[in-house]
C-alpha atoms as a PDB file:
ATOM      1  CA  MET A   1      12.937   2.393  14.475  1.00  0.00           C
ATOM      2  CA  VAL A   2      11.179   3.629  10.847  1.00  0.00           C
ATOM      3  CA  LYS A   3       7.153   3.525  10.499  1.00  0.00           C
ATOM      4  CA  GLY A   4       6.006  -0.210   9.593  1.00  0.00           C
ATOM      5  CA  GLN A   5       9.149  -1.253  11.177  1.00  0.00           C
ATOM      6  CA  LYS A   6       7.498  -4.953  13.245  1.00  0.00           C
ATOM      7  CA  VAL A   7       8.685  -4.036  17.526  1.00  0.00           C
ATOM      8  CA  VAL A   8       9.093  -5.608  20.967  1.00  0.00           C
ATOM      9  CA  CYS A   9       7.539  -4.982  24.567  1.00  0.00           C
ATOM     10  CA  VAL A  10      11.100  -5.052  26.781  1.00  0.00           C
ATOM     11  CA  ASN A  11       9.009  -2.994  29.384  1.00  0.00           C
ATOM     12  CA  ASP A  12       5.240  -2.454  30.218  1.00  0.00           C
ATOM     13  CA  THR A  13       6.237  -0.939  33.910  1.00  0.00           C
ATOM     14  CA  PHE A  14       3.816   2.148  33.673  1.00  0.00           C
ATOM     15  CA  PRO A  15       3.320   4.978  36.448  1.00  0.00           C
ATOM     16  CA  PRO A  16      -0.146   4.835  38.088  1.00  0.00           C
ATOM     17  CA  VAL A  17      -0.799   8.354  35.994  1.00  0.00           C
ATOM     18  CA  ILE A  18       0.721   6.870  32.051  1.00  0.00           C
ATOM     19  CA  VAL A  19      -2.046   3.483  33.784  1.00  0.00           C
ATOM     20  CA  ALA A  20      -4.928   6.209  34.619  1.00  0.00           C
ATOM     21  CA  LEU A  21      -4.274   8.239  31.256  1.00  0.00           C
ATOM     22  CA  TYR A  22      -3.644   6.031  28.978  1.00  0.00           C
ATOM     23  CA  LYS A  23      -6.360   3.050  27.103  1.00  0.00           C
ATOM     24  CA  GLN A  24      -4.590   0.776  25.832  1.00  0.00           C
ATOM     25  CA  LEU A  25      -1.304  -0.267  27.268  1.00  0.00           C
ATOM     26  CA  PRO A  26       2.105  -2.793  25.297  1.00  0.00           C
ATOM     27  CA  VAL A  27       3.143  -6.071  27.117  1.00  0.00           C
ATOM     28  CA  LYS A  28       6.311  -6.710  27.618  1.00  0.00           C
ATOM     29  CA  GLY A  29       6.882  -9.891  25.374  1.00  0.00           C
ATOM     30  CA  ASP A  30       4.263  -8.620  22.430  1.00  0.00           C
ATOM     31  CA  VAL A  31       5.010  -7.415  19.127  1.00  0.00           C
ATOM     32  CA  TYR A  32       3.629  -3.885  17.788  1.00  0.00           C
ATOM     33  CA  THR A  33       3.781  -3.152  14.500  1.00  0.00           C
ATOM     34  CA  ILE A  34       4.991   0.782  14.581  1.00  0.00           C
ATOM     35  CA  ARG A  35       2.563   2.954  12.700  1.00  0.00           C
ATOM     36  CA  GLU A  36       3.573   7.063  13.250  1.00  0.00           C
ATOM     37  CA  VAL A  37       7.866   8.419  15.237  1.00  0.00           C
ATOM     38  CA  PHE A  38       7.582  11.382  16.765  1.00  0.00           C
ATOM     39  CA  LEU A  39       9.925  13.405  18.683  1.00  0.00           C
ATOM     40  CA  GLY A  40       9.071  14.139  22.357  1.00  0.00           C
ATOM     41  CA  ARG A  41       8.498  16.786  23.921  1.00  0.00           C
ATOM     42  CA  GLU A  42      11.260  15.983  27.200  1.00  0.00           C
ATOM     43  CA  LYS A  43      13.080  18.751  24.885  1.00  0.00           C
ATOM     44  CA  ILE A  44      10.608  21.454  24.803  1.00  0.00           C
ATOM     45  CA  VAL A  45       9.600  21.118  28.307  1.00  0.00           C
ATOM     46  CA  LYS A  46      12.410  19.954  30.626  1.00  0.00           C
ATOM     47  CA  GLY A  47      14.578  22.119  28.716  1.00  0.00           C
ATOM     48  CA  GLY A  48      17.036  19.772  27.614  1.00  0.00           C
ATOM     49  CA  ASP A  49      19.352  18.689  25.477  1.00  0.00           C
ATOM     50  CA  SER A  50      18.532  15.682  23.896  1.00  0.00           C
ATOM     51  CA  ALA A  51      14.739  14.224  23.466  1.00  0.00           C
ATOM     52  CA  THR A  52      13.749  10.392  24.034  1.00  0.00           C
ATOM     53  CA  VAL A  53      11.661   9.225  19.891  1.00  0.00           C
ATOM     54  CA  GLY A  54       8.554   8.774  20.770  1.00  0.00           C
ATOM     55  CA  LEU A  55       6.018   5.620  18.960  1.00  0.00           C
ATOM     56  CA  LEU A  56       2.559   5.331  17.949  1.00  0.00           C
ATOM     57  CA  LEU A  57       1.672   1.469  17.170  1.00  0.00           C
ATOM     58  CA  GLU A  58      -0.818   0.214  15.207  1.00  0.00           C
ATOM     59  CA  GLU A  59      -2.565  -2.283  17.787  1.00  0.00           C
ATOM     60  CA  LEU A  60      -2.822   0.756  20.071  1.00  0.00           C
ATOM     61  CA  LYS A  61      -4.701   3.505  20.357  1.00  0.00           C
ATOM     62  CA  ASN A  62      -5.580   5.839  22.795  1.00  0.00           C
ATOM     63  CA  PRO A  63      -7.057   9.174  24.085  1.00  0.00           C
ATOM     64  CA  PRO A  64      -5.279  13.034  22.335  1.00  0.00           C
ATOM     65  CA  ASP A  65      -2.587  14.280  25.072  1.00  0.00           C
ATOM     66  CA  PRO A  66      -4.374  16.273  27.842  1.00  0.00           C
ATOM     67  CA  PHE A  67      -1.358  18.578  28.306  1.00  0.00           C
ATOM     68  CA  HIS A  68       0.080  18.829  24.558  1.00  0.00           C
ATOM     69  CA  GLN A  69      -1.453  22.208  22.710  1.00  0.00           C
ATOM     70  CA  GLY A  70      -2.272  19.981  19.503  1.00  0.00           C
ATOM     71  CA  LYS A  71      -4.057  17.231  21.257  1.00  0.00           C
ATOM     72  CA  GLU A  72      -1.754  14.475  20.211  1.00  0.00           C
ATOM     73  CA  GLU A  73      -2.269  10.814  20.512  1.00  0.00           C
ATOM     74  CA  LEU A  74      -1.020  10.007  24.202  1.00  0.00           C
ATOM     75  CA  GLY A  75       2.494   7.671  22.406  1.00  0.00           C
ATOM     76  CA  PHE A  76       4.878   5.759  23.450  1.00  0.00           C
ATOM     77  CA  SER A  77       9.072   6.079  24.490  1.00  0.00           C
ATOM     78  CA  SER A  78      10.999   4.475  21.899  1.00  0.00           C
ATOM     79  CA  GLU A  79      12.895   2.858  24.787  1.00  0.00           C
ATOM     80  CA  ARG A  80      10.415   0.604  26.022  1.00  0.00           C
ATOM     81  CA  PHE A  81      11.167  -1.811  22.958  1.00  0.00           C
ATOM     82  CA  ALA A  82      13.031  -3.255  20.495  1.00  0.00           C
ATOM     83  CA  PRO A  83      13.284  -4.009  17.084  1.00  0.00           C
ATOM     84  CA  LEU A  84      12.494  -7.315  14.979  1.00  0.00           C
ATOM     85  CA  GLU A  85      14.976  -8.303  13.044  1.00  0.00           C
ATOM     86  CA  GLU A  86      12.526  -8.484  10.235  1.00  0.00           C
ATOM     87  CA  LEU A  87      11.839  -4.909   7.904  1.00  0.00           C
ATOM     88  CA  PRO A  88       8.822  -3.133   7.112  1.00  0.00           C
ATOM     89  CA  PRO A  89       7.285  -4.450   3.880  1.00  0.00           C
ATOM     90  CA  LYS A  90       9.032  -1.658   1.713  1.00  0.00           C
ATOM     91  CA  GLU A  91      12.186  -2.021   3.133  1.00  0.00           C
ATOM     92  CA  ALA A  92      12.686  -5.703   2.650  1.00  0.00           C
ATOM     93  CA  GLU A  93      12.261  -4.794  -1.931  1.00  0.00           C
ATOM     94  CA  GLU A  94      15.126  -2.117  -1.424  1.00  0.00           C
ATOM     95  CA  GLU A  95      16.548  -4.270   0.392  1.00  0.00           C
ATOM     96  CA  ALA A  96      16.069  -7.408  -1.432  1.00  0.00           C
ATOM     97  CA  GLY A  97      16.174  -5.252  -4.591  1.00  0.00           C
ATOM     98  CA  ILE A  98      12.753  -6.043  -5.392  1.00  0.00           C
ATOM     99  CA  GLY A  99      10.905  -2.480  -6.273  1.00  0.00           C
ATOM    100  CA  LEU A 100       7.295  -2.234  -7.453  1.00  0.00           C
ATOM    101  CA  GLY A 101       8.053  -2.736 -11.415  1.00  0.00           C
ATOM    102  CA  ALA A 102      10.581  -5.068 -11.365  1.00  0.00           C
ATOM    103  CA  ALA A 103      10.410  -7.035 -14.538  1.00  0.00           C
ATOM    104  CA  VAL A 104      10.466 -10.556 -14.367  1.00  0.00           C
ATOM    105  CA  PRO A 105      12.325 -12.069 -17.611  1.00  0.00           C
ATOM    106  CA  SER A 106      10.374 -14.035 -18.819  1.00  0.00           C
ATOM    107  CA  TYR A 107      12.363 -17.766 -20.236  1.00  0.00           C
ATOM    108  CA  GLY A 108       8.544 -18.960 -21.755  1.00  0.00           C
ATOM    109  CA  TRP A 109       6.996 -20.600 -19.084  1.00  0.00           C
ATOM    110  CA  ASN A 110       3.443 -19.626 -19.737  1.00  0.00           C
END
């Protein structure tokens, strides 16, 4: 998952503590745009060997994480979302072989 990518929520079941901390939660079946991708804190907090990928979404804004010293915004586990097939605009251009400033051939049409 990358910044700008569209994702659909596949899991909107949250425990009461999460509902109390967040102002806005995703809804199953709704489409969102990834605003930021970050490494989840599970590895640091729980000392595990793996970490989850966290997401911030354009459509949802939440308060700072009260348990994070840097007061980063509360995010969501990427496991709650499935990527849509469409690519973010920049990646779609690259995949199509068209970049900003690409030359367009002139065929005398004015």
